[in-house]
N, C-alpha and C. Protein backbone atom coordinates (compact mmCIF):
# COMPACT_ATOMS: atom_id res chain seq x y z
N MET A 1 5.80 -29.32 3.28
CA MET A 1 5.20 -28.16 2.65
C MET A 1 5.83 -27.93 1.28
N LYS A 2 7.18 -28.04 1.21
CA LYS A 2 7.87 -27.77 -0.04
C LYS A 2 7.49 -28.82 -1.11
N ASN A 3 7.44 -30.10 -0.73
CA ASN A 3 7.07 -31.14 -1.69
C ASN A 3 5.62 -30.98 -2.13
N ARG A 4 4.75 -30.61 -1.19
CA ARG A 4 3.35 -30.39 -1.52
C ARG A 4 3.21 -29.22 -2.48
N MET A 5 3.98 -28.16 -2.25
CA MET A 5 3.95 -26.99 -3.12
C MET A 5 4.42 -27.36 -4.52
N LYS A 6 5.49 -28.17 -4.60
CA LYS A 6 5.99 -28.60 -5.91
C LYS A 6 4.95 -29.45 -6.64
N LEU A 7 4.30 -30.36 -5.91
CA LEU A 7 3.30 -31.22 -6.51
C LEU A 7 2.12 -30.41 -7.00
N THR A 8 1.65 -29.48 -6.18
CA THR A 8 0.52 -28.65 -6.56
C THR A 8 0.88 -27.78 -7.75
N THR A 9 2.09 -27.20 -7.74
CA THR A 9 2.55 -26.40 -8.88
C THR A 9 2.57 -27.24 -10.15
N TYR A 10 3.08 -28.45 -10.04
CA TYR A 10 3.15 -29.36 -11.18
C TYR A 10 1.75 -29.66 -11.71
N MET A 11 0.80 -29.94 -10.80
CA MET A 11 -0.55 -30.28 -11.22
C MET A 11 -1.24 -29.11 -11.91
N VAL A 12 -1.09 -27.91 -11.36
CA VAL A 12 -1.71 -26.72 -11.98
C VAL A 12 -1.07 -26.45 -13.34
N ALA A 13 0.26 -26.55 -13.40
CA ALA A 13 0.97 -26.31 -14.66
C ALA A 13 0.57 -27.35 -15.71
N LEU A 14 0.45 -28.60 -15.30
CA LEU A 14 0.06 -29.67 -16.21
C LEU A 14 -1.34 -29.42 -16.76
N ALA A 15 -2.28 -29.07 -15.89
CA ALA A 15 -3.65 -28.80 -16.33
C ALA A 15 -3.70 -27.61 -17.27
N PHE A 16 -2.95 -26.55 -16.91
CA PHE A 16 -2.94 -25.36 -17.75
C PHE A 16 -2.29 -25.67 -19.10
N GLY A 17 -1.17 -26.38 -19.07
CA GLY A 17 -0.49 -26.75 -20.31
C GLY A 17 -1.37 -27.60 -21.21
N ALA A 18 -2.08 -28.54 -20.61
CA ALA A 18 -2.97 -29.39 -21.39
C ALA A 18 -4.08 -28.58 -22.03
N SER A 19 -4.59 -27.59 -21.30
CA SER A 19 -5.67 -26.77 -21.86
C SER A 19 -5.18 -25.95 -23.05
N LEU A 20 -3.90 -25.59 -23.05
CA LEU A 20 -3.34 -24.85 -24.18
C LEU A 20 -2.94 -25.76 -25.32
N ALA A 21 -2.40 -26.92 -24.98
CA ALA A 21 -1.87 -27.83 -25.99
C ALA A 21 -2.97 -28.58 -26.74
N LEU A 22 -4.12 -28.76 -26.13
CA LEU A 22 -5.17 -29.55 -26.75
C LEU A 22 -6.46 -28.74 -26.95
N PRO A 23 -6.39 -27.62 -27.64
CA PRO A 23 -7.56 -26.78 -27.76
C PRO A 23 -8.72 -27.42 -28.51
N GLY A 24 -8.44 -28.40 -29.37
CA GLY A 24 -9.49 -29.04 -30.14
C GLY A 24 -10.18 -30.16 -29.40
N LEU A 25 -9.70 -30.55 -28.24
CA LEU A 25 -10.26 -31.64 -27.47
C LEU A 25 -11.58 -31.20 -26.85
N SER A 26 -12.63 -31.90 -27.13
CA SER A 26 -13.94 -31.55 -26.57
C SER A 26 -14.12 -32.23 -25.24
N LEU A 27 -14.39 -31.44 -24.21
CA LEU A 27 -14.57 -31.99 -22.88
C LEU A 27 -16.00 -31.85 -22.38
N GLY A 28 -16.94 -31.59 -23.24
CA GLY A 28 -18.31 -31.55 -22.80
C GLY A 28 -19.02 -30.26 -23.14
N ALA A 29 -20.21 -30.15 -22.57
CA ALA A 29 -21.10 -29.04 -22.92
C ALA A 29 -20.57 -27.68 -22.50
N ASP A 30 -19.73 -27.65 -21.44
CA ASP A 30 -19.30 -26.33 -20.99
C ASP A 30 -18.03 -25.87 -21.69
N GLU A 31 -17.68 -26.52 -22.81
CA GLU A 31 -16.55 -26.04 -23.59
C GLU A 31 -16.98 -24.79 -24.33
N LYS A 32 -16.27 -23.71 -24.07
CA LYS A 32 -16.53 -22.49 -24.81
C LYS A 32 -15.28 -21.65 -24.78
N ALA A 33 -15.12 -20.88 -25.79
CA ALA A 33 -13.99 -19.97 -25.84
C ALA A 33 -14.56 -18.58 -26.11
N SER A 34 -14.15 -17.65 -25.33
CA SER A 34 -14.58 -16.28 -25.54
C SER A 34 -13.38 -15.39 -25.28
N ALA A 35 -13.40 -14.23 -25.85
CA ALA A 35 -12.28 -13.31 -25.65
C ALA A 35 -12.79 -11.88 -25.74
N ALA A 36 -12.57 -11.16 -24.68
CA ALA A 36 -12.95 -9.75 -24.66
C ALA A 36 -12.11 -9.05 -23.61
N THR A 37 -11.69 -7.83 -23.89
CA THR A 37 -10.96 -7.05 -22.90
C THR A 37 -11.96 -6.61 -21.84
N GLN A 38 -11.60 -6.89 -20.59
CA GLN A 38 -12.48 -6.55 -19.48
C GLN A 38 -11.63 -6.00 -18.33
N THR A 39 -12.31 -5.34 -17.42
CA THR A 39 -11.69 -4.89 -16.18
C THR A 39 -12.36 -5.66 -15.06
N ILE A 40 -11.55 -6.38 -14.27
CA ILE A 40 -12.09 -7.25 -13.23
C ILE A 40 -11.41 -6.94 -11.90
N LYS A 41 -12.22 -6.88 -10.86
CA LYS A 41 -11.74 -6.58 -9.51
C LYS A 41 -11.84 -7.84 -8.67
N GLY A 42 -10.77 -8.12 -7.90
CA GLY A 42 -10.80 -9.28 -7.04
C GLY A 42 -9.57 -9.38 -6.18
N GLU A 43 -9.52 -10.43 -5.38
CA GLU A 43 -8.39 -10.67 -4.48
C GLU A 43 -7.30 -11.47 -5.19
N VAL A 44 -6.07 -11.03 -5.02
CA VAL A 44 -4.92 -11.76 -5.55
C VAL A 44 -4.69 -12.98 -4.66
N VAL A 45 -4.75 -14.18 -5.26
CA VAL A 45 -4.54 -15.42 -4.51
C VAL A 45 -3.45 -16.24 -5.21
N ASP A 46 -2.76 -17.06 -4.42
CA ASP A 46 -1.88 -18.03 -5.07
C ASP A 46 -2.75 -19.25 -5.32
N LEU A 47 -2.77 -19.69 -6.57
CA LEU A 47 -3.67 -20.76 -6.96
C LEU A 47 -3.37 -22.08 -6.28
N MET A 48 -2.12 -22.33 -5.94
CA MET A 48 -1.79 -23.62 -5.30
C MET A 48 -2.55 -23.79 -3.99
N CYS A 49 -2.43 -22.83 -3.10
CA CYS A 49 -3.07 -22.94 -1.78
C CYS A 49 -4.57 -22.74 -1.87
N TYR A 50 -5.02 -21.86 -2.76
CA TYR A 50 -6.46 -21.63 -2.86
C TYR A 50 -7.16 -22.89 -3.38
N LEU A 51 -6.64 -23.48 -4.45
CA LEU A 51 -7.27 -24.68 -5.00
C LEU A 51 -7.13 -25.88 -4.07
N ASP A 52 -6.01 -25.99 -3.39
CA ASP A 52 -5.78 -27.13 -2.51
C ASP A 52 -6.64 -27.09 -1.26
N HIS A 53 -6.68 -25.94 -0.58
CA HIS A 53 -7.41 -25.90 0.69
C HIS A 53 -8.15 -24.59 0.95
N GLY A 54 -8.45 -23.84 -0.10
CA GLY A 54 -9.29 -22.65 0.04
C GLY A 54 -8.64 -21.48 0.74
N ALA A 55 -7.31 -21.48 0.84
CA ALA A 55 -6.60 -20.41 1.56
C ALA A 55 -6.71 -19.09 0.81
N LYS A 56 -7.11 -18.05 1.56
CA LYS A 56 -7.22 -16.71 1.00
C LYS A 56 -7.30 -15.72 2.14
N GLY A 57 -7.31 -14.44 1.82
CA GLY A 57 -7.49 -13.40 2.82
C GLY A 57 -6.24 -13.05 3.59
N GLU A 58 -6.40 -12.09 4.48
CA GLU A 58 -5.29 -11.53 5.26
C GLU A 58 -4.54 -12.62 6.04
N LYS A 59 -5.26 -13.60 6.54
CA LYS A 59 -4.65 -14.69 7.32
C LYS A 59 -3.63 -15.48 6.48
N HIS A 60 -3.82 -15.50 5.18
CA HIS A 60 -2.95 -16.27 4.29
C HIS A 60 -1.97 -15.39 3.51
N LYS A 61 -1.96 -14.10 3.77
CA LYS A 61 -1.17 -13.13 2.99
C LYS A 61 0.32 -13.52 2.89
N GLY A 62 0.96 -13.84 4.02
CA GLY A 62 2.39 -14.15 4.01
C GLY A 62 2.72 -15.36 3.17
N CYS A 63 1.93 -16.40 3.31
CA CYS A 63 2.15 -17.63 2.53
C CYS A 63 1.91 -17.36 1.05
N ALA A 64 0.82 -16.64 0.74
CA ALA A 64 0.51 -16.34 -0.65
C ALA A 64 1.62 -15.54 -1.31
N LYS A 65 2.13 -14.55 -0.59
CA LYS A 65 3.23 -13.73 -1.12
C LYS A 65 4.45 -14.61 -1.42
N LYS A 66 4.78 -15.50 -0.49
CA LYS A 66 5.93 -16.38 -0.68
C LYS A 66 5.72 -17.32 -1.86
N CYS A 67 4.53 -17.90 -1.98
CA CYS A 67 4.25 -18.81 -3.08
C CYS A 67 4.30 -18.10 -4.43
N ILE A 68 3.75 -16.89 -4.50
CA ILE A 68 3.75 -16.13 -5.74
C ILE A 68 5.18 -15.71 -6.10
N GLU A 69 5.95 -15.24 -5.11
CA GLU A 69 7.35 -14.87 -5.36
C GLU A 69 8.16 -16.06 -5.85
N SER A 70 7.80 -17.27 -5.39
CA SER A 70 8.52 -18.49 -5.77
C SER A 70 8.13 -19.01 -7.14
N GLY A 71 7.20 -18.32 -7.80
CA GLY A 71 6.82 -18.71 -9.16
C GLY A 71 5.52 -19.47 -9.24
N GLY A 72 4.80 -19.61 -8.13
CA GLY A 72 3.50 -20.28 -8.16
C GLY A 72 2.51 -19.50 -9.00
N PRO A 73 1.52 -20.18 -9.57
CA PRO A 73 0.55 -19.49 -10.41
C PRO A 73 -0.31 -18.51 -9.61
N VAL A 74 -0.62 -17.38 -10.23
CA VAL A 74 -1.37 -16.30 -9.59
C VAL A 74 -2.82 -16.34 -10.08
N GLY A 75 -3.74 -16.14 -9.14
CA GLY A 75 -5.15 -16.10 -9.49
C GLY A 75 -5.79 -14.81 -9.01
N LEU A 76 -6.96 -14.53 -9.56
CA LEU A 76 -7.78 -13.41 -9.12
C LEU A 76 -9.14 -13.99 -8.77
N LEU A 77 -9.56 -13.79 -7.52
CA LEU A 77 -10.82 -14.31 -7.01
C LEU A 77 -11.78 -13.14 -6.82
N THR A 78 -12.88 -13.14 -7.56
CA THR A 78 -13.83 -12.05 -7.48
C THR A 78 -14.78 -12.23 -6.29
N ALA A 79 -15.54 -11.18 -5.98
CA ALA A 79 -16.48 -11.22 -4.87
C ALA A 79 -17.56 -12.29 -5.07
N ASP A 80 -17.86 -12.62 -6.32
CA ASP A 80 -18.87 -13.66 -6.58
C ASP A 80 -18.22 -15.03 -6.87
N ASP A 81 -17.00 -15.22 -6.33
CA ASP A 81 -16.27 -16.50 -6.38
C ASP A 81 -15.90 -16.97 -7.79
N GLN A 82 -15.71 -16.05 -8.71
CA GLN A 82 -15.17 -16.41 -10.02
C GLN A 82 -13.65 -16.40 -9.88
N LEU A 83 -12.99 -17.42 -10.39
CA LEU A 83 -11.54 -17.55 -10.25
C LEU A 83 -10.89 -17.49 -11.62
N TYR A 84 -9.87 -16.65 -11.74
CA TYR A 84 -9.16 -16.46 -13.00
C TYR A 84 -7.67 -16.72 -12.80
N LEU A 85 -7.06 -17.42 -13.73
CA LEU A 85 -5.61 -17.50 -13.81
C LEU A 85 -5.16 -16.17 -14.39
N VAL A 86 -4.09 -15.60 -13.84
CA VAL A 86 -3.62 -14.28 -14.30
C VAL A 86 -2.28 -14.44 -14.99
N ILE A 87 -2.20 -13.95 -16.23
CA ILE A 87 -0.99 -14.02 -17.04
C ILE A 87 -0.74 -12.62 -17.62
N GLY A 88 0.51 -12.22 -17.67
CA GLY A 88 0.86 -10.95 -18.30
C GLY A 88 0.92 -11.12 -19.80
N ASP A 89 1.74 -10.34 -20.44
CA ASP A 89 1.92 -10.42 -21.89
C ASP A 89 2.82 -11.62 -22.20
N HIS A 90 2.21 -12.80 -22.21
CA HIS A 90 2.91 -14.07 -22.44
C HIS A 90 4.01 -14.33 -21.42
N GLN A 91 3.80 -13.86 -20.21
CA GLN A 91 4.75 -14.10 -19.12
C GLN A 91 4.02 -13.93 -17.79
N PRO A 92 4.55 -14.52 -16.75
CA PRO A 92 3.91 -14.37 -15.44
C PRO A 92 3.97 -12.93 -14.93
N LEU A 93 3.04 -12.60 -14.05
CA LEU A 93 3.03 -11.29 -13.40
C LEU A 93 3.39 -11.42 -11.92
N ASN A 94 4.10 -12.48 -11.59
CA ASN A 94 4.41 -12.76 -10.18
C ASN A 94 5.15 -11.62 -9.50
N LYS A 95 6.13 -11.05 -10.18
CA LYS A 95 6.92 -9.97 -9.58
C LYS A 95 6.03 -8.79 -9.21
N GLU A 96 5.11 -8.43 -10.09
CA GLU A 96 4.24 -7.28 -9.85
C GLU A 96 3.15 -7.57 -8.82
N LEU A 97 2.66 -8.83 -8.79
CA LEU A 97 1.50 -9.13 -7.96
C LEU A 97 1.84 -9.74 -6.60
N SER A 98 3.07 -10.17 -6.38
CA SER A 98 3.40 -10.79 -5.09
C SER A 98 3.17 -9.83 -3.93
N ALA A 99 3.48 -8.57 -4.10
CA ALA A 99 3.28 -7.57 -3.04
C ALA A 99 1.80 -7.28 -2.80
N LYS A 100 0.95 -7.67 -3.74
CA LYS A 100 -0.49 -7.44 -3.64
C LYS A 100 -1.23 -8.68 -3.15
N ALA A 101 -0.52 -9.73 -2.74
CA ALA A 101 -1.16 -10.96 -2.28
C ALA A 101 -2.19 -10.65 -1.20
N ALA A 102 -3.35 -11.27 -1.31
CA ALA A 102 -4.46 -11.13 -0.37
C ALA A 102 -5.11 -9.75 -0.40
N GLU A 103 -4.72 -8.91 -1.34
CA GLU A 103 -5.33 -7.58 -1.47
C GLU A 103 -6.29 -7.57 -2.65
N THR A 104 -7.22 -6.64 -2.61
CA THR A 104 -8.14 -6.47 -3.73
C THR A 104 -7.52 -5.51 -4.73
N VAL A 105 -7.47 -5.97 -5.98
CA VAL A 105 -6.89 -5.16 -7.05
C VAL A 105 -7.85 -5.18 -8.24
N THR A 106 -7.58 -4.32 -9.19
CA THR A 106 -8.34 -4.29 -10.44
C THR A 106 -7.35 -4.58 -11.57
N LEU A 107 -7.70 -5.57 -12.38
CA LEU A 107 -6.88 -5.94 -13.53
C LEU A 107 -7.67 -5.72 -14.81
N LYS A 108 -6.97 -5.30 -15.85
CA LYS A 108 -7.58 -5.15 -17.17
C LYS A 108 -6.83 -6.06 -18.12
N GLY A 109 -7.56 -6.83 -18.90
CA GLY A 109 -6.91 -7.71 -19.85
C GLY A 109 -7.92 -8.50 -20.67
N LYS A 110 -7.39 -9.33 -21.52
CA LYS A 110 -8.22 -10.19 -22.37
C LYS A 110 -8.71 -11.36 -21.53
N VAL A 111 -10.00 -11.49 -21.39
CA VAL A 111 -10.59 -12.57 -20.59
C VAL A 111 -11.03 -13.69 -21.53
N VAL A 112 -10.53 -14.88 -21.25
CA VAL A 112 -10.89 -16.04 -22.05
C VAL A 112 -11.33 -17.17 -21.12
N GLU A 113 -12.14 -18.06 -21.67
CA GLU A 113 -12.60 -19.22 -20.92
C GLU A 113 -12.67 -20.41 -21.87
N ARG A 114 -12.17 -21.54 -21.42
CA ARG A 114 -12.26 -22.76 -22.20
C ARG A 114 -12.37 -23.94 -21.24
N ASN A 115 -13.35 -24.79 -21.51
CA ASN A 115 -13.55 -25.99 -20.69
C ASN A 115 -13.62 -25.68 -19.21
N GLY A 116 -14.25 -24.57 -18.88
CA GLY A 116 -14.45 -24.21 -17.49
C GLY A 116 -13.32 -23.45 -16.83
N MET A 117 -12.20 -23.29 -17.51
CA MET A 117 -11.07 -22.56 -16.94
C MET A 117 -11.07 -21.14 -17.48
N LYS A 118 -10.93 -20.17 -16.55
CA LYS A 118 -10.95 -18.76 -16.92
C LYS A 118 -9.55 -18.17 -16.74
N MET A 119 -9.22 -17.25 -17.64
CA MET A 119 -7.90 -16.62 -17.58
C MET A 119 -8.01 -15.16 -18.00
N ILE A 120 -7.20 -14.34 -17.34
CA ILE A 120 -7.01 -12.96 -17.78
C ILE A 120 -5.60 -12.91 -18.34
N GLU A 121 -5.49 -12.70 -19.64
CA GLU A 121 -4.14 -12.62 -20.23
C GLU A 121 -3.85 -11.20 -20.65
N ASN A 122 -2.57 -10.91 -20.82
CA ASN A 122 -2.12 -9.55 -21.08
C ASN A 122 -2.65 -8.62 -19.99
N ALA A 123 -2.72 -9.17 -18.77
CA ALA A 123 -3.27 -8.43 -17.63
C ALA A 123 -2.40 -7.25 -17.27
N GLU A 124 -3.07 -6.16 -16.95
CA GLU A 124 -2.39 -4.95 -16.48
C GLU A 124 -3.04 -4.51 -15.19
N LEU A 125 -2.23 -4.21 -14.20
CA LEU A 125 -2.71 -3.73 -12.92
C LEU A 125 -3.19 -2.30 -13.10
N GLN A 126 -4.43 -2.03 -12.71
CA GLN A 126 -5.01 -0.69 -12.81
C GLN A 126 -4.78 0.06 -11.50
N ASP A 127 -4.69 1.40 -11.57
CA ASP A 127 -4.48 2.20 -10.36
C ASP A 127 -5.69 2.23 -9.48
């Protein structure tokens, strides 16, 4: 489990890093960049387990909390299956969101999309 978690973390980090490091690289028709402050409601998921095997919901809450506390990437999954990487003000929000794992929350932040990857940056947890 630990090696798989490290590998998955590495793969997600590598993909995310590449998307930031190579913004001029054209990957096809769905390349687009947009930026607007939005408020989005969804379930807090740990991206490693969700992307690897679709883990989400109350049944996965304990594992998600542990993965997020350990520094795994945090995602927000909306009711219509839109998935966002969640980033604070140029830093992770793991400390704030680990207790909210598998819960529905509302986040406000700058929403961007490039090459099919969506992110909420400068995310703030709404009451």
